[in-house]
Amino acid sequence: NYGIDTIWGWEPDSGLRPCQVYLRHCFLAAKKMGEQCFNSFLDETYLVDRKTTIREYVEKNPHVVETLPPPGFEERYSG
């Protein structure tokens, strides 16, 4: 839509997936901001394929939001 062909050089069919710990952090942070922000994050943020929303990805991969940060990063990456 905006003349952007790739996201950081990754093609839509690259298979790139979000870092689980970071996605969990963003998920929790958006949830803390309230329902409108949370739903916006889930429904208006896409994977590199530009088709799969975060909501769809998390529904198919619920373990992602259960992945705890490594020791020493719990406070920083918990939303």
N, C-alpha and C. Protein backbone atom coordinates (compact mmCIF):
# COMPACT_ATOMS: atom_id res chain seq x y z
N ASN A 1 0.80 -1.20 0.00
CA ASN A 1 0.00 0.00 0.00
C ASN A 1 0.84 1.27 0.00
N TYR A 2 1.99 1.22 0.61
CA TYR A 2 2.80 2.42 0.76
C TYR A 2 4.14 2.30 0.05
N GLY A 3 4.23 1.40 -0.91
CA GLY A 3 5.47 1.22 -1.64
C GLY A 3 6.53 0.48 -0.85
N ILE A 4 6.12 -0.20 0.20
CA ILE A 4 7.06 -0.96 1.02
C ILE A 4 7.04 -2.40 0.53
N ASP A 5 8.17 -2.85 0.01
CA ASP A 5 8.24 -4.19 -0.55
C ASP A 5 8.61 -5.25 0.47
N THR A 6 9.42 -4.88 1.45
CA THR A 6 9.84 -5.85 2.46
C THR A 6 9.87 -5.20 3.83
N ILE A 7 9.88 -6.01 4.85
CA ILE A 7 10.06 -5.53 6.21
C ILE A 7 11.45 -5.96 6.63
N TRP A 8 12.35 -4.99 6.73
CA TRP A 8 13.75 -5.22 7.06
C TRP A 8 14.38 -6.28 6.16
N GLY A 9 13.95 -6.32 4.90
CA GLY A 9 14.54 -7.23 3.94
C GLY A 9 13.94 -8.63 3.94
N TRP A 10 12.97 -8.88 4.80
CA TRP A 10 12.34 -10.20 4.87
C TRP A 10 11.14 -10.24 3.93
N GLU A 11 11.12 -11.20 3.04
CA GLU A 11 10.01 -11.36 2.12
C GLU A 11 8.80 -11.95 2.85
N PRO A 12 7.59 -11.71 2.37
CA PRO A 12 6.40 -12.25 3.02
C PRO A 12 6.40 -13.77 3.20
N ASP A 13 7.07 -14.47 2.31
CA ASP A 13 7.10 -15.94 2.39
C ASP A 13 8.34 -16.46 3.13
N SER A 14 9.02 -15.60 3.88
CA SER A 14 10.26 -16.00 4.57
C SER A 14 10.03 -16.98 5.72
N GLY A 15 8.79 -16.99 6.26
CA GLY A 15 8.53 -17.87 7.40
C GLY A 15 8.98 -17.27 8.73
N LEU A 16 9.48 -16.05 8.71
CA LEU A 16 9.94 -15.39 9.93
C LEU A 16 8.79 -15.28 10.93
N ARG A 17 9.08 -15.60 12.18
CA ARG A 17 8.08 -15.52 13.25
C ARG A 17 8.60 -14.61 14.36
N PRO A 18 7.68 -14.04 15.14
CA PRO A 18 8.10 -13.13 16.21
C PRO A 18 8.87 -13.86 17.32
N CYS A 19 9.76 -13.12 17.96
CA CYS A 19 10.45 -13.63 19.15
C CYS A 19 9.38 -13.83 20.22
N GLN A 20 9.29 -15.02 20.77
CA GLN A 20 8.21 -15.35 21.71
C GLN A 20 8.21 -14.45 22.94
N VAL A 21 9.37 -14.22 23.52
CA VAL A 21 9.44 -13.41 24.74
C VAL A 21 9.02 -11.97 24.45
N TYR A 22 9.46 -11.43 23.33
CA TYR A 22 9.11 -10.06 23.00
C TYR A 22 7.64 -9.93 22.64
N LEU A 23 7.10 -10.90 21.90
CA LEU A 23 5.68 -10.87 21.55
C LEU A 23 4.84 -10.93 22.83
N ARG A 24 5.23 -11.77 23.76
CA ARG A 24 4.51 -11.85 25.04
C ARG A 24 4.54 -10.50 25.74
N HIS A 25 5.69 -9.86 25.75
CA HIS A 25 5.84 -8.55 26.37
C HIS A 25 4.89 -7.53 25.73
N CYS A 26 4.86 -7.48 24.40
CA CYS A 26 3.98 -6.55 23.69
C CYS A 26 2.51 -6.89 23.94
N PHE A 27 2.18 -8.16 23.95
CA PHE A 27 0.83 -8.65 24.22
C PHE A 27 0.36 -8.17 25.59
N LEU A 28 1.18 -8.38 26.61
CA LEU A 28 0.83 -7.97 27.97
C LEU A 28 0.74 -6.46 28.11
N ALA A 29 1.65 -5.74 27.47
CA ALA A 29 1.64 -4.28 27.53
C ALA A 29 0.38 -3.73 26.88
N ALA A 30 0.00 -4.26 25.73
CA ALA A 30 -1.21 -3.79 25.04
C ALA A 30 -2.44 -4.11 25.88
N LYS A 31 -2.44 -5.27 26.52
CA LYS A 31 -3.56 -5.67 27.37
C LYS A 31 -3.72 -4.71 28.55
N LYS A 32 -2.61 -4.28 29.12
CA LYS A 32 -2.64 -3.34 30.25
C LYS A 32 -3.19 -1.97 29.84
N MET A 33 -3.11 -1.65 28.56
CA MET A 33 -3.56 -0.34 28.08
C MET A 33 -5.07 -0.26 27.89
N GLY A 34 -5.74 -1.39 28.00
CA GLY A 34 -7.19 -1.39 27.87
C GLY A 34 -7.65 -2.14 26.64
N GLU A 35 -8.96 -2.39 26.61
CA GLU A 35 -9.55 -3.23 25.58
C GLU A 35 -9.34 -2.69 24.16
N GLN A 36 -9.51 -1.39 23.97
CA GLN A 36 -9.37 -0.82 22.63
C GLN A 36 -7.94 -0.99 22.10
N CYS A 37 -6.96 -0.70 22.94
CA CYS A 37 -5.56 -0.86 22.54
C CYS A 37 -5.24 -2.33 22.29
N PHE A 38 -5.70 -3.19 23.19
CA PHE A 38 -5.43 -4.62 23.08
C PHE A 38 -6.00 -5.18 21.77
N ASN A 39 -7.26 -4.86 21.49
CA ASN A 39 -7.87 -5.36 20.25
C ASN A 39 -7.20 -4.79 19.02
N SER A 40 -6.78 -3.53 19.09
CA SER A 40 -6.05 -2.94 17.97
C SER A 40 -4.74 -3.69 17.72
N PHE A 41 -4.01 -3.96 18.79
CA PHE A 41 -2.76 -4.70 18.66
C PHE A 41 -3.02 -6.08 18.05
N LEU A 42 -4.02 -6.78 18.56
CA LEU A 42 -4.30 -8.13 18.08
C LEU A 42 -4.77 -8.17 16.62
N ASP A 43 -5.57 -7.18 16.23
CA ASP A 43 -6.21 -7.23 14.92
C ASP A 43 -5.56 -6.37 13.85
N GLU A 44 -4.68 -5.46 14.24
CA GLU A 44 -4.08 -4.55 13.27
C GLU A 44 -2.56 -4.66 13.19
N THR A 45 -2.02 -5.68 13.84
CA THR A 45 -0.59 -5.96 13.76
C THR A 45 -0.44 -7.31 13.06
N TYR A 46 0.42 -7.33 12.06
CA TYR A 46 0.55 -8.52 11.21
C TYR A 46 1.94 -9.11 11.28
N LEU A 47 2.02 -10.40 11.00
CA LEU A 47 3.31 -11.06 10.84
C LEU A 47 3.91 -10.61 9.51
N VAL A 48 5.12 -11.01 9.27
CA VAL A 48 5.82 -10.61 8.06
C VAL A 48 5.08 -11.06 6.79
N ASP A 49 4.22 -12.06 6.89
CA ASP A 49 3.47 -12.51 5.71
C ASP A 49 2.40 -11.50 5.29
N ARG A 50 2.15 -10.51 6.16
CA ARG A 50 1.17 -9.44 5.91
C ARG A 50 -0.25 -9.95 5.78
N LYS A 51 -0.50 -11.16 6.26
CA LYS A 51 -1.85 -11.74 6.23
C LYS A 51 -2.29 -12.18 7.61
N THR A 52 -1.37 -12.73 8.39
CA THR A 52 -1.69 -13.29 9.69
C THR A 52 -1.64 -12.22 10.76
N THR A 53 -2.78 -12.01 11.44
CA THR A 53 -2.79 -11.04 12.54
C THR A 53 -2.17 -11.68 13.79
N ILE A 54 -1.81 -10.83 14.72
CA ILE A 54 -1.29 -11.35 15.99
C ILE A 54 -2.36 -12.20 16.67
N ARG A 55 -3.62 -11.78 16.59
CA ARG A 55 -4.69 -12.58 17.19
C ARG A 55 -4.70 -14.00 16.61
N GLU A 56 -4.65 -14.11 15.30
CA GLU A 56 -4.66 -15.43 14.65
C GLU A 56 -3.44 -16.25 15.07
N TYR A 57 -2.29 -15.59 15.10
CA TYR A 57 -1.05 -16.28 15.45
C TYR A 57 -1.10 -16.81 16.88
N VAL A 58 -1.58 -15.98 17.81
CA VAL A 58 -1.64 -16.38 19.22
C VAL A 58 -2.69 -17.46 19.43
N GLU A 59 -3.80 -17.39 18.71
CA GLU A 59 -4.82 -18.44 18.82
C GLU A 59 -4.28 -19.79 18.37
N LYS A 60 -3.44 -19.80 17.34
CA LYS A 60 -2.85 -21.04 16.86
C LYS A 60 -1.62 -21.46 17.66
N ASN A 61 -1.01 -20.52 18.36
CA ASN A 61 0.23 -20.77 19.12
C ASN A 61 0.12 -20.17 20.52
N PRO A 62 -0.82 -20.64 21.35
CA PRO A 62 -1.03 -20.03 22.66
C PRO A 62 0.18 -20.10 23.58
N HIS A 63 1.07 -21.03 23.32
CA HIS A 63 2.28 -21.15 24.15
C HIS A 63 3.14 -19.89 24.08
N VAL A 64 2.97 -19.12 23.01
CA VAL A 64 3.79 -17.93 22.82
C VAL A 64 3.61 -16.95 23.97
N VAL A 65 2.37 -16.72 24.38
CA VAL A 65 2.13 -15.76 25.46
C VAL A 65 2.37 -16.37 26.84
N GLU A 66 2.74 -17.62 26.87
CA GLU A 66 3.07 -18.29 28.13
C GLU A 66 4.58 -18.44 28.31
N THR A 67 5.34 -18.08 27.28
CA THR A 67 6.79 -18.20 27.32
C THR A 67 7.36 -17.13 28.25
N LEU A 68 7.97 -17.56 29.32
CA LEU A 68 8.54 -16.63 30.29
C LEU A 68 9.88 -16.08 29.82
N PRO A 69 10.19 -14.85 30.21
CA PRO A 69 11.49 -14.28 29.85
C PRO A 69 12.62 -15.05 30.54
N PRO A 70 13.81 -14.98 30.00
CA PRO A 70 14.95 -15.64 30.64
C PRO A 70 15.23 -14.99 32.00
N PRO A 71 15.89 -15.73 32.88
CA PRO A 71 16.22 -15.19 34.21
C PRO A 71 16.93 -13.83 34.08
N GLY A 72 16.50 -12.91 34.92
CA GLY A 72 17.07 -11.58 34.91
C GLY A 72 16.32 -10.59 34.04
N PHE A 73 15.41 -11.08 33.22
CA PHE A 73 14.64 -10.20 32.32
C PHE A 73 13.15 -10.20 32.63
N GLU A 74 12.74 -10.86 33.71
CA GLU A 74 11.33 -10.99 34.04
C GLU A 74 10.65 -9.63 34.18
N GLU A 75 11.28 -8.70 34.89
CA GLU A 75 10.66 -7.41 35.12
C GLU A 75 10.59 -6.59 33.83
N ARG A 76 11.64 -6.63 33.05
CA ARG A 76 11.70 -5.84 31.83
C ARG A 76 10.75 -6.33 30.74
N TYR A 77 10.57 -7.64 30.64
CA TYR A 77 9.76 -8.21 29.56
C TYR A 77 8.48 -8.85 30.07
N SER A 78 7.78 -8.17 30.93
CA SER A 78 6.51 -8.70 31.43
C SER A 78 5.38 -7.69 31.26
N GLY A 79 5.47 -6.93 30.19
CA GLY A 79 4.40 -6.00 29.86
C GLY A 79 4.53 -4.71 30.56
